[in-house]
């Protein structure tokens, strides 16, 4: 169904050019869009015309036309005046609305196809048959981006993002739930993840600064066939979830950079608890004070380099060594040893994951 806003804009444009008053009504005579104030006074006549078998009619100084969809009356056009000009303009308006209906129906069919494709609701043979029918390339490089809108929706997010890709018939913008908008972007042969990252940032930039800070964009890997689009969608979904745990400072997150966080995200909570209990007999990693946690994170950021870490923390090298010795005594892990550092880093991530899952369950 075409929105009343689009109908209004269409007849206003035709009326401004032709100087003929136009109105669009439903088959019961309710005014959907009009370019003149008195349109409602023709509602009863329009309703009678809608119930009749005639396809056009002249009455009350106006011309009435019907627009059909699958042999059912969908809209009524009212053109003021009984002359030839009014007839031509009325027919022109009807033709324009009919073309819009075809375009919207095709977009709906393509949108429905993409939704079912993303959700794995189609058999392989149906994917290729429907893609061919809808003129969707089956072999093309594509990537799926998910834009998380969050609870502070304004209502125009979907159309705003669609407008960014409006001129590109190979891209699709849709939604399968209230909180996320999905972009299936087709890439050129030379485009890589830099182009995808640029696209993600472009989506954020289309909103004002306050709104963009509340948005998150995640994307999957680039796929080469239509049947693989659902995989890229699932990857983008995982990137969105994992990003909330381990990449909270980022508004754009790629599946390819999730690293070990992707593995931890798939672990059952009981196994995580067992791991933490077995590794840390004395003190769990989340029991440390803020100063110790800052020291640990900075030490990891600098690839276990004592000199660089002490310099960035503005402390003496011996002070850092003292803190590392203290951590070793309380946990049994020496962060200067690569294997112990890896174990500790994973443990910190597991704790973050468990905290996140606990919050989701409340």
Protein backbone atom coordinates (compact mmCIF):
# COMPACT_ATOMS: atom_id res chain seq x y z
CA UNK A 1 0.00 0.00 0.00
CA UNK A 2 1.27 3.42 -0.99
CA UNK A 3 1.45 5.85 1.92
CA UNK A 4 -0.90 8.84 1.93
CA UNK A 5 2.15 11.09 2.09
CA UNK A 6 3.38 9.77 -1.27
CA UNK A 7 -0.10 10.08 -2.78
CA UNK A 8 -0.34 13.68 -1.55
CA UNK A 9 3.04 14.61 -2.97
CA UNK A 10 2.17 13.01 -6.33
CA UNK A 11 -1.12 14.83 -6.89
CA UNK A 12 0.26 18.13 -5.61
CA UNK A 13 2.96 17.90 -8.27
CA UNK A 14 0.50 17.11 -11.07
CA UNK A 15 -1.98 19.75 -9.86
CA UNK A 16 0.73 22.42 -9.70
CA UNK A 17 1.68 21.77 -13.33
CA UNK A 18 -1.82 21.28 -14.79
CA UNK A 19 -3.74 23.80 -12.60
CA UNK A 20 -6.47 21.14 -12.23
CA UNK A 21 -7.72 20.26 -8.74
CA UNK A 22 -7.19 16.59 -7.93
CA UNK A 23 -8.14 14.25 -5.11
CA UNK A 24 -7.53 10.59 -4.36
CA UNK A 25 -10.14 8.64 -2.38
CA UNK A 26 -10.63 5.06 -1.28
CA UNK A 27 -13.58 3.05 -2.74
CA UNK A 28 -15.81 4.22 0.16
CA UNK A 29 -15.18 7.88 -0.64
CA UNK A 30 -12.76 8.75 2.19
CA UNK A 31 -10.25 11.41 1.11
CA UNK A 32 -6.67 10.09 1.15
CA UNK A 33 -4.97 13.03 -0.58
CA UNK A 34 -6.17 16.23 -2.20
CA UNK A 35 -4.98 19.46 -3.80
CA UNK A 36 -8.21 21.40 -3.09
CA UNK A 37 -10.14 22.04 0.13
CA UNK A 38 -13.63 21.03 -1.03
CA UNK A 39 -12.65 17.43 -1.83
CA UNK A 40 -14.72 15.99 1.05
CA UNK A 41 -17.91 17.41 -0.51
CA UNK A 42 -17.52 14.88 -3.33
CA UNK A 43 -17.17 11.86 -1.00
CA UNK A 44 -20.77 10.61 -1.34
CA UNK A 45 -20.68 10.86 -5.13
CA UNK A 46 -17.30 9.11 -5.13
CA UNK A 47 -18.62 6.31 -2.91
CA UNK A 48 -21.61 5.78 -5.24
CA UNK A 49 -19.23 5.73 -8.19
CA UNK A 50 -16.97 3.26 -6.40
CA UNK A 51 -19.90 0.89 -5.87
CA UNK A 52 -20.96 1.12 -9.52
CA UNK A 53 -19.64 -0.90 -12.44
CA UNK A 54 -18.51 2.20 -14.37
CA UNK A 55 -14.79 2.82 -14.82
CA UNK A 56 -15.19 6.59 -15.26
CA UNK A 57 -17.92 9.14 -14.69
CA UNK A 58 -18.72 12.85 -14.99
CA UNK A 59 -20.78 14.34 -12.17
CA UNK A 60 -21.02 17.49 -10.03
CA UNK A 61 -18.62 19.32 -12.33
CA UNK A 62 -15.89 16.71 -11.80
CA UNK A 63 -14.55 13.65 -13.52
CA UNK A 64 -14.16 10.39 -11.59
CA UNK A 65 -11.79 7.55 -12.50
CA UNK A 66 -11.10 4.15 -10.96
CA UNK A 67 -7.74 2.52 -10.32
CA UNK A 68 -7.75 -1.26 -10.08
CA UNK A 69 -5.45 -3.81 -8.49
CA UNK A 70 -6.09 -7.45 -9.36
CA UNK A 71 -9.56 -6.49 -10.68
CA UNK A 72 -10.50 -4.81 -7.38
CA UNK A 73 -11.05 -1.05 -7.07
CA UNK A 74 -8.12 0.32 -5.05
CA UNK A 75 -8.40 4.11 -5.50
CA UNK A 76 -10.75 6.71 -6.96
CA UNK A 77 -9.41 9.81 -8.75
CA UNK A 78 -11.42 13.03 -8.74
CA UNK A 79 -10.41 15.71 -11.29
CA UNK A 80 -12.24 19.05 -11.12
CA UNK A 81 -13.75 20.25 -14.40
CA UNK A 82 -15.63 18.54 -17.22
CA UNK A 83 -13.45 19.58 -20.17
CA UNK A 84 -10.86 17.67 -22.16
CA UNK A 85 -7.99 19.04 -20.05
CA UNK A 86 -9.52 17.60 -16.88
CA UNK A 87 -9.99 14.26 -18.63
CA UNK A 88 -6.35 14.14 -19.72
CA UNK A 89 -5.03 15.21 -16.31
CA UNK A 90 -7.30 12.74 -14.49
CA UNK A 91 -6.13 9.89 -16.70
CA UNK A 92 -2.52 11.01 -16.31
CA UNK A 93 -2.90 10.99 -12.53
CA UNK A 94 -4.50 7.53 -12.62
CA UNK A 95 -1.65 6.22 -14.77
CA UNK A 96 0.95 7.68 -12.39
CA UNK A 97 -0.72 6.05 -9.37
CA UNK A 98 -0.94 2.72 -11.21
CA UNK A 99 2.80 2.86 -11.92
CA UNK A 100 3.50 3.66 -8.27
CA UNK A 101 1.42 0.67 -7.24
CA UNK A 102 3.43 -1.61 -9.52
CA UNK A 103 6.71 -0.23 -8.17
CA UNK A 104 5.58 -0.59 -4.54
CA UNK A 105 4.31 -4.11 -5.15
CA UNK A 106 7.64 -5.09 -6.68
CA UNK A 107 9.49 -3.51 -3.77
CA UNK A 108 7.24 -5.37 -1.33
CA UNK A 109 7.91 -8.67 -3.12
CA UNK A 110 11.67 -8.05 -3.11
CA UNK A 111 11.56 -6.95 0.52
CA UNK A 112 9.63 -10.09 1.47
CA UNK A 113 12.13 -12.23 -0.44
CA UNK A 114 15.12 -10.64 1.33
CA UNK A 115 13.49 -11.10 4.76
CA UNK A 116 12.87 -14.80 4.13
CA UNK A 117 16.37 -15.17 2.70
CA UNK A 118 17.94 -13.64 5.82
CA UNK A 119 15.87 -15.83 8.14
CA UNK A 120 16.62 -19.05 6.23
CA UNK A 121 12.93 -19.57 5.42
CA UNK A 122 13.55 -20.58 1.79
CA UNK A 123 14.65 -23.82 0.19
CA UNK A 124 17.70 -23.56 -2.05
CA UNK A 125 15.66 -24.08 -5.21
CA UNK A 126 13.18 -21.39 -4.10
CA UNK A 127 16.02 -18.92 -3.51
CA UNK A 128 17.21 -19.14 -7.09
CA UNK A 129 13.72 -19.28 -8.63
CA UNK A 130 12.45 -16.23 -6.77
CA UNK A 131 15.70 -14.33 -7.31
CA UNK A 132 15.36 -14.88 -11.06
CA UNK A 133 11.71 -13.78 -11.02
CA UNK A 134 12.51 -10.62 -9.08
CA UNK A 135 15.62 -9.83 -11.18
CA UNK A 136 18.00 -10.21 -8.22
CA UNK A 137 21.54 -11.26 -9.17
CA UNK A 138 22.35 -14.67 -7.69
CA UNK A 139 26.12 -14.30 -8.09
CA UNK A 140 27.34 -11.02 -6.64
CA UNK A 141 29.55 -9.86 -3.78
CA UNK A 142 27.36 -8.80 -0.86
CA UNK A 143 27.65 -8.05 2.84
CA UNK A 144 24.98 -7.66 5.52
CA UNK A 145 25.02 -4.73 7.95
CA UNK A 146 22.74 -4.53 10.99
CA UNK A 147 21.92 -1.12 12.41
CA UNK A 148 20.74 -1.34 16.01
CA UNK A 149 18.36 1.54 16.67
CA UNK A 150 17.80 0.84 20.34
CA UNK A 151 14.83 1.87 22.48
CA UNK A 152 14.91 5.57 21.47
CA UNK A 153 13.22 5.22 18.08
CA UNK A 154 12.04 8.29 16.22
CA UNK A 155 10.11 6.38 13.56
CA UNK A 156 11.91 7.63 10.46
CA UNK A 157 15.09 5.56 10.79
CA UNK A 158 14.14 2.97 8.16
CA UNK A 159 13.24 5.54 5.50
CA UNK A 160 16.29 7.63 6.34
CA UNK A 161 18.64 4.69 5.81
CA UNK A 162 16.72 3.67 2.68
CA UNK A 163 17.31 7.13 1.26
CA UNK A 164 21.09 6.53 1.47
CA UNK A 165 20.75 3.54 -0.86
CA UNK A 166 17.70 4.75 -2.79
CA UNK A 167 19.43 5.08 -6.16
CA UNK A 168 21.07 1.66 -5.97
CA UNK A 169 18.61 -1.05 -7.01
CA UNK A 170 21.04 -3.82 -6.05
CA UNK A 171 21.04 -2.83 -2.36
CA UNK A 172 18.25 -3.79 0.05
CA UNK A 173 17.17 -2.11 3.28
CA UNK A 174 14.63 -3.91 5.43
CA UNK A 175 13.74 -4.86 9.02
CA UNK A 176 12.79 -8.19 10.59
CA UNK A 177 12.17 -6.79 14.08
CA UNK A 178 11.51 -3.44 15.76
CA UNK A 179 15.01 -2.79 17.10
CA UNK A 180 17.21 -3.40 14.04
CA UNK A 181 17.43 -2.26 10.44
CA UNK A 182 19.20 -4.55 7.97
CA UNK A 183 21.18 -3.45 4.93
CA UNK A 184 22.17 -5.99 2.29
CA UNK A 185 24.79 -4.13 0.30
CA UNK A 186 26.15 -5.26 -3.05
CA UNK A 187 29.82 -4.52 -3.57
CA UNK A 188 31.89 -3.90 -6.67
CA UNK A 189 34.62 -6.37 -7.57
CA UNK A 190 37.35 -4.15 -6.12
CA UNK A 191 35.49 -3.23 -2.92
CA UNK A 192 36.75 -4.70 0.34
CA UNK A 193 36.12 -4.25 4.04
CA UNK A 194 37.36 -0.65 3.90
CA UNK A 195 34.36 0.14 1.72
CA UNK A 196 32.03 -1.69 4.13
CA UNK A 197 33.48 0.23 7.08
CA UNK A 198 32.97 3.48 5.16
CA UNK A 199 29.37 2.49 4.46
CA UNK A 200 28.76 1.74 8.16
CA UNK A 201 30.17 5.12 9.20
CA UNK A 202 28.12 6.79 6.48
CA UNK A 203 24.95 5.35 8.04
CA UNK A 204 25.92 6.79 11.42
CA UNK A 205 26.77 10.15 9.84
CA UNK A 206 23.26 10.39 8.35
CA UNK A 207 21.92 10.95 11.86
CA UNK A 208 22.66 13.88 14.14
CA UNK A 209 25.53 13.49 16.61
CA UNK A 210 23.29 12.83 19.62
CA UNK A 211 21.35 10.09 17.83
CA UNK A 212 24.38 8.50 16.14
CA UNK A 213 26.05 7.92 19.52
CA UNK A 214 23.13 5.68 20.47
CA UNK A 215 23.34 3.63 17.26
CA UNK A 216 25.52 0.59 16.66
CA UNK A 217 26.37 -0.93 13.29
CA UNK A 218 27.72 -4.46 12.86
CA UNK A 219 28.56 -6.32 9.68
CA UNK A 220 29.42 -9.86 8.64
CA UNK A 221 31.85 -11.21 6.07
CA UNK A 222 31.58 -10.58 2.33
CA UNK A 223 29.85 -13.46 0.48
CA UNK A 224 29.77 -14.27 -3.21
CA UNK A 225 26.37 -15.94 -3.75
CA UNK A 226 22.78 -15.12 -2.84
CA UNK A 227 22.43 -18.33 -0.79
CA UNK A 228 25.25 -17.17 1.54
CA UNK A 229 23.59 -13.86 2.49
CA UNK A 230 21.94 -15.45 5.55
CA UNK A 231 25.39 -16.46 6.84
CA UNK A 232 26.62 -12.87 6.63
CA UNK A 233 23.45 -11.80 8.47
CA UNK A 234 24.07 -14.28 11.31
CA UNK A 235 27.68 -13.11 11.54
CA UNK A 236 26.56 -9.48 11.76
CA UNK A 237 24.12 -10.46 14.50
CA UNK A 238 26.88 -12.15 16.47
CA UNK A 239 29.17 -9.15 15.97
CA UNK A 240 26.42 -6.91 17.37
CA UNK A 241 26.03 -9.09 20.49
CA UNK A 242 29.73 -9.73 21.09
CA UNK A 243 30.50 -6.05 20.49
CA UNK A 244 28.23 -5.10 23.42
CA UNK A 245 30.41 -7.21 25.71
CA UNK A 246 33.99 -6.76 24.54
CA UNK A 247 33.92 -3.66 22.28
CA UNK A 248 31.66 -1.28 24.18
CA UNK A 249 33.61 1.78 23.02
CA UNK A 250 32.94 1.05 19.33
CA UNK A 251 29.86 2.07 17.33
CA UNK A 252 30.95 0.00 14.32
CA UNK A 253 32.02 -3.60 14.80
CA UNK A 254 33.01 -6.23 12.22
CA UNK A 255 32.60 -9.98 12.63
CA UNK A 256 36.17 -10.46 11.40
CA UNK A 257 37.67 -8.61 14.41
CA UNK A 258 35.80 -10.43 17.17
CA UNK A 259 38.73 -12.76 17.79
CA UNK A 260 38.48 -14.96 20.87
CA UNK A 261 35.40 -13.06 22.00
CA UNK A 262 33.46 -14.96 19.33
CA UNK A 263 34.48 -18.26 20.94
CA UNK A 264 33.74 -17.13 24.51
CA UNK A 265 30.28 -15.90 23.47
CA UNK A 266 29.33 -19.45 22.50
CA UNK A 267 30.42 -21.05 25.79
CA UNK A 268 27.75 -22.23 28.25
CA UNK A 269 27.70 -20.30 31.54
CA UNK A 270 28.31 -23.38 33.76
CA UNK A 271 31.51 -24.11 31.83
CA UNK A 272 32.64 -20.50 32.27
CA UNK A 273 32.08 -20.66 36.03
CA UNK A 274 34.03 -23.92 36.22
CA UNK A 275 36.92 -22.36 34.29
CA UNK A 276 37.11 -19.32 36.59
CA UNK A 277 36.95 -21.50 39.70
CA UNK A 278 39.70 -23.86 38.49
CA UNK A 279 42.08 -21.12 37.33
CA UNK A 280 41.64 -18.75 40.25
CA UNK A 281 41.59 -20.64 43.49
CA UNK A 282 42.25 -17.57 45.64
CA UNK A 283 41.18 -14.33 43.96
CA UNK A 284 38.93 -13.94 40.92
CA UNK A 285 39.90 -11.36 38.27
CA UNK A 286 36.88 -9.17 38.99
CA UNK A 287 37.89 -8.80 42.66
CA UNK A 288 40.81 -6.48 41.85
CA UNK A 289 40.63 -2.78 42.58
CA UNK A 290 40.47 -0.16 39.80
CA UNK A 291 44.21 0.63 39.97
CA UNK A 292 45.20 -3.02 39.55
CA UNK A 293 42.76 -3.57 36.66
CA UNK A 294 44.08 -0.42 34.92
CA UNK A 295 47.64 -1.74 35.32
CA UNK A 296 46.68 -5.14 33.90
CA UNK A 297 44.83 -3.70 30.89
CA UNK A 298 47.63 -1.25 30.08
CA UNK A 299 50.19 -4.07 30.37
CA UNK A 300 48.20 -6.10 27.84
CA UNK A 301 47.80 -3.09 25.53
CA UNK A 302 51.59 -2.75 25.41
CA UNK A 303 52.20 -6.41 24.59
CA UNK A 304 53.61 -7.22 28.08
CA UNK A 305 56.28 -4.53 27.76
CA UNK A 306 57.22 -3.42 31.30
CA UNK A 307 59.12 -0.26 30.30
CA UNK A 308 56.43 1.12 27.99
CA UNK A 309 53.64 0.28 30.42
CA UNK A 310 55.36 2.04 33.35
CA UNK A 311 56.01 5.06 31.13
CA UNK A 312 52.35 5.34 30.08
CA UNK A 313 51.15 4.85 33.65
CA UNK A 314 53.62 7.48 34.89
CA UNK A 315 55.03 5.10 37.51
CA UNK A 316 58.51 3.75 38.20
CA UNK A 317 59.43 0.44 36.59
CA UNK A 318 59.95 -1.10 40.04
CA UNK A 319 56.44 -0.02 41.06
CA UNK A 320 55.00 -1.88 38.08
CA UNK A 321 57.11 -4.95 38.88
CA UNK A 322 55.82 -4.79 42.46
CA UNK A 323 52.21 -4.71 41.23
CA UNK A 324 52.81 -7.65 38.87
CA UNK A 325 54.41 -9.63 41.71
CA UNK A 326 51.40 -8.86 43.88
CA UNK A 327 49.04 -10.16 41.16
CA UNK A 328 51.14 -13.31 40.82
CA UNK A 329 50.92 -14.00 44.58
CA UNK A 330 47.13 -13.60 44.66
CA UNK A 331 46.33 -15.54 41.46
CA UNK A 332 49.30 -17.79 40.81
CA UNK A 333 49.69 -16.26 37.35
CA UNK A 334 52.75 -14.27 36.25
CA UNK A 335 51.57 -11.81 33.60
CA UNK A 336 55.14 -11.46 32.32
CA UNK A 337 54.90 -15.05 31.10
CA UNK A 338 53.00 -15.24 27.81
CA UNK A 339 51.00 -18.38 28.66
CA UNK A 340 49.88 -16.97 32.02
CA UNK A 341 49.03 -13.63 30.39
CA UNK A 342 46.82 -15.38 27.81
CA UNK A 343 45.05 -17.32 30.56
CA UNK A 344 44.45 -14.14 32.54
CA UNK A 345 43.20 -12.21 29.50
CA UNK A 346 40.73 -14.95 28.61
CA UNK A 347 39.57 -15.07 32.23
CA UNK A 348 38.85 -11.32 32.20
CA UNK A 349 36.81 -11.74 29.02
CA UNK A 350 34.92 -14.72 30.45
CA UNK A 351 34.00 -12.67 33.52
CA UNK A 352 32.76 -9.82 31.30
CA UNK A 353 30.68 -12.31 29.32
CA UNK A 354 29.13 -13.83 32.47
CA UNK A 355 28.27 -10.39 33.84
CA UNK A 356 26.61 -9.43 30.57
CA UNK A 357 24.54 -12.63 30.45
CA UNK A 358 23.45 -12.16 34.06
CA UNK A 359 22.26 -8.63 33.26
CA UNK A 360 20.30 -9.91 30.25
CA UNK A 361 18.50 -12.46 32.40
CA UNK A 362 17.20 -9.82 34.83
